Amino acid sequence: MNAKTFFRTLGFLLILLLVILISTENTQMIDFHFSLLLPKPVRASAAFVYFALFAVGVIGGTMLHGGGSGGSTGSSKGKK
């Protein structure tokens, strides 16, 4: 594992720790409004809404970062 991967993983774990700490502090129920996709507000725990938004951001970032030419393994198979 190179240093860049290690520090990215460490940063991700620190952000995840922040999500957990925020989730433990915000246990009250809230109304989440997002009229573009949800016709009625969703009543849920603030911790759940925060974690769900974090998960959507992580998945979206992973898809944007992971997309592209399909990696370097396909182009190097034919070369010797």
PDB file of N, CA and C in Angstrom:
ATOM      1  N   MET A   1       0.848  -1.167   0.000  1.00  0.00           N
ATOM      2  CA  MET A   1       0.000   0.000   0.000  1.00  0.00           C
ATOM      3  C   MET A   1       0.898   1.235   0.000  1.00  0.00           C
ATOM      4  N   ASN A   2       0.609   2.141  -0.899  1.00  0.00           N
ATOM      5  CA  ASN A   2       1.418   3.358  -0.936  1.00  0.00           C
ATOM      6  C   ASN A   2       0.873   4.408   0.036  1.00  0.00           C
ATOM      7  N   ALA A   3       1.615   5.459   0.239  1.00  0.00           N
ATOM      8  CA  ALA A   3       1.268   6.478   1.230  1.00  0.00           C
ATOM      9  C   ALA A   3      -0.014   7.230   0.854  1.00  0.00           C
ATOM     10  N   LYS A   4      -0.217   7.460  -0.430  1.00  0.00           N
ATOM     11  CA  LYS A   4      -1.408   8.186  -0.874  1.00  0.00           C
ATOM     12  C   LYS A   4      -2.676   7.418  -0.511  1.00  0.00           C
ATOM     13  N   THR A   5      -2.685   6.119  -0.751  1.00  0.00           N
ATOM     14  CA  THR A   5      -3.838   5.293  -0.420  1.00  0.00           C
ATOM     15  C   THR A   5      -4.051   5.250   1.086  1.00  0.00           C
ATOM     16  N   PHE A   6      -2.973   5.156   1.837  1.00  0.00           N
ATOM     17  CA  PHE A   6      -3.074   5.123   3.290  1.00  0.00           C
ATOM     18  C   PHE A   6      -3.704   6.404   3.834  1.00  0.00           C
ATOM     19  N   PHE A   7      -3.255   7.566   3.368  1.00  0.00           N
ATOM     20  CA  PHE A   7      -3.783   8.829   3.869  1.00  0.00           C
ATOM     21  C   PHE A   7      -5.219   9.064   3.409  1.00  0.00           C
ATOM     22  N   ARG A   8      -5.587   8.600   2.227  1.00  0.00           N
ATOM     23  CA  ARG A   8      -6.981   8.696   1.792  1.00  0.00           C
ATOM     24  C   ARG A   8      -7.872   7.830   2.673  1.00  0.00           C
ATOM     25  N   THR A   9      -7.413   6.631   2.986  1.00  0.00           N
ATOM     26  CA  THR A   9      -8.179   5.747   3.859  1.00  0.00           C
ATOM     27  C   THR A   9      -8.289   6.340   5.260  1.00  0.00           C
ATOM     28  N   LEU A  10      -7.214   6.897   5.774  1.00  0.00           N
ATOM     29  CA  LEU A  10      -7.235   7.533   7.079  1.00  0.00           C
ATOM     30  C   LEU A  10      -8.205   8.720   7.091  1.00  0.00           C
ATOM     31  N   GLY A  11      -8.182   9.521   6.052  1.00  0.00           N
ATOM     32  CA  GLY A  11      -9.117  10.645   5.944  1.00  0.00           C
ATOM     33  C   GLY A  11     -10.563  10.184   5.888  1.00  0.00           C
ATOM     34  N   PHE A  12     -10.818   9.119   5.140  1.00  0.00           N
ATOM     35  CA  PHE A  12     -12.176   8.578   5.059  1.00  0.00           C
ATOM     36  C   PHE A  12     -12.640   8.077   6.425  1.00  0.00           C
ATOM     37  N   LEU A  13     -11.754   7.416   7.159  1.00  0.00           N
ATOM     38  CA  LEU A  13     -12.115   6.932   8.486  1.00  0.00           C
ATOM     39  C   LEU A  13     -12.380   8.081   9.453  1.00  0.00           C
ATOM     40  N   LEU A  14     -11.645   9.166   9.341  1.00  0.00           N
ATOM     41  CA  LEU A  14     -11.898  10.335  10.187  1.00  0.00           C
ATOM     42  C   LEU A  14     -13.249  10.957   9.868  1.00  0.00           C
ATOM     43  N   ILE A  15     -13.602  11.036   8.601  1.00  0.00           N
ATOM     44  CA  ILE A  15     -14.915  11.555   8.216  1.00  0.00           C
ATOM     45  C   ILE A  15     -16.012  10.633   8.731  1.00  0.00           C
ATOM     46  N   LEU A  16     -15.796   9.328   8.631  1.00  0.00           N
ATOM     47  CA  LEU A  16     -16.775   8.374   9.139  1.00  0.00           C
ATOM     48  C   LEU A  16     -16.924   8.495  10.655  1.00  0.00           C
ATOM     49  N   LEU A  17     -15.841   8.734  11.362  1.00  0.00           N
ATOM     50  CA  LEU A  17     -15.909   8.968  12.807  1.00  0.00           C
ATOM     51  C   LEU A  17     -16.736  10.216  13.108  1.00  0.00           C
ATOM     52  N   LEU A  18     -16.574  11.249  12.327  1.00  0.00           N
ATOM     53  CA  LEU A  18     -17.365  12.466  12.501  1.00  0.00           C
ATOM     54  C   LEU A  18     -18.849  12.169  12.288  1.00  0.00           C
ATOM     55  N   VAL A  19     -19.171  11.363  11.286  1.00  0.00           N
ATOM     56  CA  VAL A  19     -20.568  10.982  11.045  1.00  0.00           C
ATOM     57  C   VAL A  19     -21.133  10.241  12.251  1.00  0.00           C
ATOM     58  N   ILE A  20     -20.368   9.336  12.811  1.00  0.00           N
ATOM     59  CA  ILE A  20     -20.833   8.574  13.977  1.00  0.00           C
ATOM     60  C   ILE A  20     -21.036   9.493  15.170  1.00  0.00           C
ATOM     61  N   LEU A  21     -20.109  10.409  15.403  1.00  0.00           N
ATOM     62  CA  LEU A  21     -20.244  11.336  16.533  1.00  0.00           C
ATOM     63  C   LEU A  21     -21.463  12.248  16.369  1.00  0.00           C
ATOM     64  N   ILE A  22     -21.688  12.740  15.166  1.00  0.00           N
ATOM     65  CA  ILE A  22     -22.861  13.583  14.914  1.00  0.00           C
ATOM     66  C   ILE A  22     -24.135  12.770  15.090  1.00  0.00           C
ATOM     67  N   SER A  23     -24.101  11.523  14.638  1.00  0.00           N
ATOM     68  CA  SER A  23     -25.285  10.670  14.748  1.00  0.00           C
ATOM     69  C   SER A  23     -25.646  10.369  16.191  1.00  0.00           C
ATOM     70  N   THR A  24     -24.666  10.212  17.048  1.00  0.00           N
ATOM     71  CA  THR A  24     -24.970   9.916  18.449  1.00  0.00           C
ATOM     72  C   THR A  24     -25.523  11.135  19.183  1.00  0.00           C
ATOM     73  N   GLU A  25     -25.209  12.323  18.710  1.00  0.00           N
ATOM     74  CA  GLU A  25     -25.691  13.546  19.353  1.00  0.00           C
ATOM     75  C   GLU A  25     -27.074  13.960  18.868  1.00  0.00           C
ATOM     76  N   ASN A  26     -27.439  13.630  17.632  1.00  0.00           N
ATOM     77  CA  ASN A  26     -28.690  14.093  17.027  1.00  0.00           C
ATOM     78  C   ASN A  26     -29.673  12.938  16.904  1.00  0.00           C
ATOM     79  N   THR A  27     -30.350  12.641  18.007  1.00  0.00           N
ATOM     80  CA  THR A  27     -31.272  11.510  18.011  1.00  0.00           C
ATOM     81  C   THR A  27     -32.733  11.923  17.842  1.00  0.00           C
ATOM     82  N   GLN A  28     -33.023  13.206  17.792  1.00  0.00           N
ATOM     83  CA  GLN A  28     -34.401  13.655  17.668  1.00  0.00           C
ATOM     84  C   GLN A  28     -34.944  13.390  16.261  1.00  0.00           C
ATOM     85  N   MET A  29     -36.274  13.329  16.166  1.00  0.00           N
ATOM     86  CA  MET A  29     -36.947  13.113  14.881  1.00  0.00           C
ATOM     87  C   MET A  29     -37.058  14.449  14.150  1.00  0.00           C
ATOM     88  N   ILE A  30     -36.861  14.414  12.826  1.00  0.00           N
ATOM     89  CA  ILE A  30     -36.961  15.617  12.011  1.00  0.00           C
ATOM     90  C   ILE A  30     -37.803  15.318  10.784  1.00  0.00           C
ATOM     91  N   ASP A  31     -38.292  16.370  10.140  1.00  0.00           N
ATOM     92  CA  ASP A  31     -38.970  16.251   8.854  1.00  0.00           C
ATOM     93  C   ASP A  31     -37.973  16.618   7.772  1.00  0.00           C
ATOM     94  N   PHE A  32     -37.696  15.673   6.881  1.00  0.00           N
ATOM     95  CA  PHE A  32     -36.753  15.902   5.785  1.00  0.00           C
ATOM     96  C   PHE A  32     -37.552  16.193   4.533  1.00  0.00           C
ATOM     97  N   HIS A  33     -37.370  17.384   3.965  1.00  0.00           N
ATOM     98  CA  HIS A  33     -38.090  17.808   2.765  1.00  0.00           C
ATOM     99  C   HIS A  33     -37.152  17.770   1.565  1.00  0.00           C
ATOM    100  N   PHE A  34     -37.579  17.080   0.527  1.00  0.00           N
ATOM    101  CA  PHE A  34     -36.852  17.077  -0.751  1.00  0.00           C
ATOM    102  C   PHE A  34     -37.897  16.915  -1.846  1.00  0.00           C
ATOM    103  N   SER A  35     -38.543  18.024  -2.170  1.00  0.00           N
ATOM    104  CA  SER A  35     -39.718  17.998  -3.040  1.00  0.00           C
ATOM    105  C   SER A  35     -39.423  17.543  -4.466  1.00  0.00           C
ATOM    106  N   LEU A  36     -38.173  17.550  -4.864  1.00  0.00           N
ATOM    107  CA  LEU A  36     -37.829  17.108  -6.211  1.00  0.00           C
ATOM    108  C   LEU A  36     -38.096  15.617  -6.392  1.00  0.00           C
ATOM    109  N   LEU A  37     -37.841  14.804  -5.374  1.00  0.00           N
ATOM    110  CA  LEU A  37     -38.043  13.359  -5.464  1.00  0.00           C
ATOM    111  C   LEU A  37     -39.113  12.817  -4.530  1.00  0.00           C
ATOM    112  N   LEU A  38     -39.359  13.508  -3.424  1.00  0.00           N
ATOM    113  CA  LEU A  38     -40.302  13.011  -2.420  1.00  0.00           C
ATOM    114  C   LEU A  38     -41.508  13.934  -2.337  1.00  0.00           C
ATOM    115  N   PRO A  39     -42.718  13.428  -2.621  1.00  0.00           N
ATOM    116  CA  PRO A  39     -43.889  14.302  -2.574  1.00  0.00           C
ATOM    117  C   PRO A  39     -44.252  14.742  -1.156  1.00  0.00           C
ATOM    118  N   LYS A  40     -43.999  13.886  -0.158  1.00  0.00           N
ATOM    119  CA  LYS A  40     -44.284  14.215   1.232  1.00  0.00           C
ATOM    120  C   LYS A  40     -42.978  14.216   2.018  1.00  0.00           C
ATOM    121  N   PRO A  41     -42.899  15.022   3.082  1.00  0.00           N
ATOM    122  CA  PRO A  41     -41.682  14.997   3.906  1.00  0.00           C
ATOM    123  C   PRO A  41     -41.506  13.643   4.595  1.00  0.00           C
ATOM    124  N   VAL A  42     -40.265  13.261   4.773  1.00  0.00           N
ATOM    125  CA  VAL A  42     -39.944  12.019   5.461  1.00  0.00           C
ATOM    126  C   VAL A  42     -39.648  12.361   6.916  1.00  0.00           C
ATOM    127  N   ARG A  43     -40.324  11.691   7.827  1.00  0.00           N
ATOM    128  CA  ARG A  43     -40.072  11.897   9.264  1.00  0.00           C
ATOM    129  C   ARG A  43     -39.170  10.763   9.725  1.00  0.00           C
ATOM    130  N   ALA A  44     -37.944  11.133  10.088  1.00  0.00           N
ATOM    131  CA  ALA A  44     -36.956  10.128  10.486  1.00  0.00           C
ATOM    132  C   ALA A  44     -35.994  10.747  11.493  1.00  0.00           C
ATOM    133  N   SER A  45     -35.171   9.893  12.060  1.00  0.00           N
ATOM    134  CA  SER A  45     -34.155  10.342  12.998  1.00  0.00           C
ATOM    135  C   SER A  45     -33.136  11.218  12.259  1.00  0.00           C
ATOM    136  N   ALA A  46     -32.676  12.253  12.911  1.00  0.00           N
ATOM    137  CA  ALA A  46     -31.681  13.135  12.303  1.00  0.00           C
ATOM    138  C   ALA A  46     -30.407  12.365  11.969  1.00  0.00           C
ATOM    139  N   ALA A  47     -30.056  11.401  12.819  1.00  0.00           N
ATOM    140  CA  ALA A  47     -28.861  10.594  12.571  1.00  0.00           C
ATOM    141  C   ALA A  47     -29.014   9.776  11.300  1.00  0.00           C
ATOM    142  N   PHE A  48     -30.189   9.196  11.084  1.00  0.00           N
ATOM    143  CA  PHE A  48     -30.427   8.404   9.878  1.00  0.00           C
ATOM    144  C   PHE A  48     -30.353   9.268   8.626  1.00  0.00           C
ATOM    145  N   VAL A  49     -30.971  10.456   8.676  1.00  0.00           N
ATOM    146  CA  VAL A  49     -30.942  11.354   7.518  1.00  0.00           C
ATOM    147  C   VAL A  49     -29.513  11.790   7.224  1.00  0.00           C
ATOM    148  N   TYR A  50     -28.752  12.121   8.248  1.00  0.00           N
ATOM    149  CA  TYR A  50     -27.365  12.546   8.055  1.00  0.00           C
ATOM    150  C   TYR A  50     -26.535  11.422   7.436  1.00  0.00           C
ATOM    151  N   PHE A  51     -26.699  10.201   7.975  1.00  0.00           N
ATOM    152  CA  PHE A  51     -25.951   9.068   7.442  1.00  0.00           C
ATOM    153  C   PHE A  51     -26.367   8.749   6.011  1.00  0.00           C
ATOM    154  N   ALA A  52     -27.659   8.846   5.710  1.00  0.00           N
ATOM    155  CA  ALA A  52     -28.132   8.569   4.351  1.00  0.00           C
ATOM    156  C   ALA A  52     -27.541   9.566   3.351  1.00  0.00           C
ATOM    157  N   LEU A  53     -27.502  10.831   3.724  1.00  0.00           N
ATOM    158  CA  LEU A  53     -26.908  11.833   2.827  1.00  0.00           C
ATOM    159  C   LEU A  53     -25.411  11.605   2.660  1.00  0.00           C
ATOM    160  N   PHE A  54     -24.740  11.206   3.732  1.00  0.00           N
ATOM    161  CA  PHE A  54     -23.324  10.880   3.651  1.00  0.00           C
ATOM    162  C   PHE A  54     -23.103   9.691   2.717  1.00  0.00           C
ATOM    163  N   ALA A  55     -23.940   8.659   2.845  1.00  0.00           N
ATOM    164  CA  ALA A  55     -23.809   7.466   2.003  1.00  0.00           C
ATOM    165  C   ALA A  55     -24.047   7.794   0.535  1.00  0.00           C
ATOM    166  N   VAL A  56     -25.031   8.631   0.258  1.00  0.00           N
ATOM    167  CA  VAL A  56     -25.288   9.040  -1.129  1.00  0.00           C
ATOM    168  C   VAL A  56     -24.077   9.788  -1.680  1.00  0.00           C
ATOM    169  N   GLY A  57     -23.477  10.645  -0.880  1.00  0.00           N
ATOM    170  CA  GLY A  57     -22.288  11.373  -1.324  1.00  0.00           C
ATOM    171  C   GLY A  57     -21.104  10.458  -1.575  1.00  0.00           C
ATOM    172  N   VAL A  58     -20.907   9.478  -0.699  1.00  0.00           N
ATOM    173  CA  VAL A  58     -19.791   8.536  -0.882  1.00  0.00           C
ATOM    174  C   VAL A  58     -20.003   7.695  -2.137  1.00  0.00           C
ATOM    175  N   ILE A  59     -21.216   7.184  -2.324  1.00  0.00           N
ATOM    176  CA  ILE A  59     -21.493   6.359  -3.503  1.00  0.00           C
ATOM    177  C   ILE A  59     -21.373   7.191  -4.778  1.00  0.00           C
ATOM    178  N   GLY A  60     -21.888   8.404  -4.750  1.00  0.00           N
ATOM    179  CA  GLY A  60     -21.758   9.276  -5.920  1.00  0.00           C
ATOM    180  C   GLY A  60     -20.313   9.609  -6.242  1.00  0.00           C
ATOM    181  N   GLY A  61     -19.534   9.919  -5.215  1.00  0.00           N
ATOM    182  CA  GLY A  61     -18.117  10.207  -5.422  1.00  0.00           C
ATOM    183  C   GLY A  61     -17.351   9.002  -5.931  1.00  0.00           C
ATOM    184  N   THR A  62     -17.702   7.824  -5.420  1.00  0.00           N
ATOM    185  CA  THR A  62     -17.056   6.600  -5.884  1.00  0.00           C
ATOM    186  C   THR A  62     -17.387   6.332  -7.346  1.00  0.00           C
ATOM    187  N   MET A  63     -18.637   6.550  -7.710  1.00  0.00           N
ATOM    188  CA  MET A  63     -19.028   6.335  -9.106  1.00  0.00           C
ATOM    189  C   MET A  63     -18.341   7.330 -10.038  1.00  0.00           C
ATOM    190  N   LEU A  64     -18.237   8.574  -9.607  1.00  0.00           N
ATOM    191  CA  LEU A  64     -17.562   9.570 -10.438  1.00  0.00           C
ATOM    192  C   LEU A  64     -16.067   9.293 -10.529  1.00  0.00           C
ATOM    193  N   HIS A  65     -15.470   8.885  -9.429  1.00  0.00           N
ATOM    194  CA  HIS A  65     -14.032   8.616  -9.408  1.00  0.00           C
ATOM    195  C   HIS A  65     -13.700   7.306 -10.114  1.00  0.00           C
ATOM    196  N   GLY A  66     -14.537   6.301  -9.928  1.00  0.00           N
ATOM    197  CA  GLY A  66     -14.273   4.976 -10.491  1.00  0.00           C
ATOM    198  C   GLY A  66     -14.638   4.857 -11.959  1.00  0.00           C
ATOM    199  N   GLY A  67     -15.453   5.753 -12.471  1.00  0.00           N
ATOM    200  CA  GLY A  67     -15.837   5.706 -13.880  1.00  0.00           C
ATOM    201  C   GLY A  67     -14.680   6.099 -14.772  1.00  0.00           C
ATOM    202  N   GLY A  68     -14.829   5.852 -16.031  1.00  0.00           N
ATOM    203  CA  GLY A  68     -13.758   6.231 -16.948  1.00  0.00           C
ATOM    204  C   GLY A  68     -13.479   5.153 -17.956  1.00  0.00           C
ATOM    205  N   SER A  69     -12.208   4.938 -18.229  1.00  0.00           N
ATOM    206  CA  SER A  69     -11.823   4.033 -19.307  1.00  0.00           C
ATOM    207  C   SER A  69     -11.845   2.571 -18.900  1.00  0.00           C
ATOM    208  N   GLY A  70     -12.189   2.235 -17.669  1.00  0.00           N
ATOM    209  CA  GLY A  70     -12.242   0.846 -17.257  1.00  0.00           C
ATOM    210  C   GLY A  70     -10.957   0.355 -16.634  1.00  0.00           C
ATOM    211  N   GLY A  71     -10.045   1.217 -16.335  1.00  0.00           N
ATOM    212  CA  GLY A  71      -8.810   0.815 -15.668  1.00  0.00           C
ATOM    213  C   GLY A  71      -7.708   0.468 -16.643  1.00  0.00           C
ATOM    214  N   SER A  72      -6.550   0.136 -16.106  1.00  0.00           N
ATOM    215  CA  SER A  72      -5.388  -0.129 -16.942  1.00  0.00           C
ATOM    216  C   SER A  72      -5.188  -1.616 -17.191  1.00  0.00           C
ATOM    217  N   THR A  73      -5.986  -2.480 -16.567  1.00  0.00           N
ATOM    218  CA  THR A  73      -5.757  -3.912 -16.735  1.00  0.00           C
ATOM    219  C   THR A  73      -6.142  -4.381 -18.127  1.00  0.00           C
ATOM    220  N   GLY A  74      -7.150  -3.781 -18.732  1.00  0.00           N
ATOM    221  CA  GLY A  74      -7.571  -4.199 -20.060  1.00  0.00           C
ATOM    222  C   GLY A  74      -6.574  -3.839 -21.141  1.00  0.00           C
ATOM    223  N   SER A  75      -5.884  -2.715 -21.021  1.00  0.00           N
ATOM    224  CA  SER A  75      -4.945  -2.301 -22.053  1.00  0.00           C
ATOM    225  C   SER A  75      -3.591  -2.991 -21.926  1.00  0.00           C
ATOM    226  N   SER A  76      -3.265  -3.515 -20.756  1.00  0.00           N
ATOM    227  CA  SER A  76      -1.957  -4.121 -20.582  1.00  0.00           C
ATOM    228  C   SER A  76      -1.952  -5.617 -20.807  1.00  0.00           C
ATOM    229  N   LYS A  77      -3.109  -6.231 -21.020  1.00  0.00           N
ATOM    230  CA  LYS A  77      -3.144  -7.680 -21.215  1.00  0.00           C
ATOM    231  C   LYS A  77      -2.528  -8.097 -22.541  1.00  0.00           C
ATOM    232  N   GLY A  78      -2.708  -7.305 -23.564  1.00  0.00           N
ATOM    233  CA  GLY A  78      -2.199  -7.682 -24.876  1.00  0.00           C
ATOM    234  C   GLY A  78      -0.718  -7.406 -25.050  1.00  0.00           C
ATOM    235  N   LYS A  79      -0.144  -6.601 -24.177  1.00  0.00           N
ATOM    236  CA  LYS A  79       1.272  -6.239 -24.308  1.00  0.00           C
ATOM    237  C   LYS A  79       2.126  -7.169 -23.496  1.00  0.00           C
ATOM    238  N   LYS A  80       3.345  -7.438 -23.985  1.00  0.00           N
ATOM    239  CA  LYS A  80       4.319  -8.264 -23.254  1.00  0.00           C
ATOM    240  C   LYS A  80       5.625  -7.551 -23.123  1.00  0.00           C
TER     241      LYS A  80
END
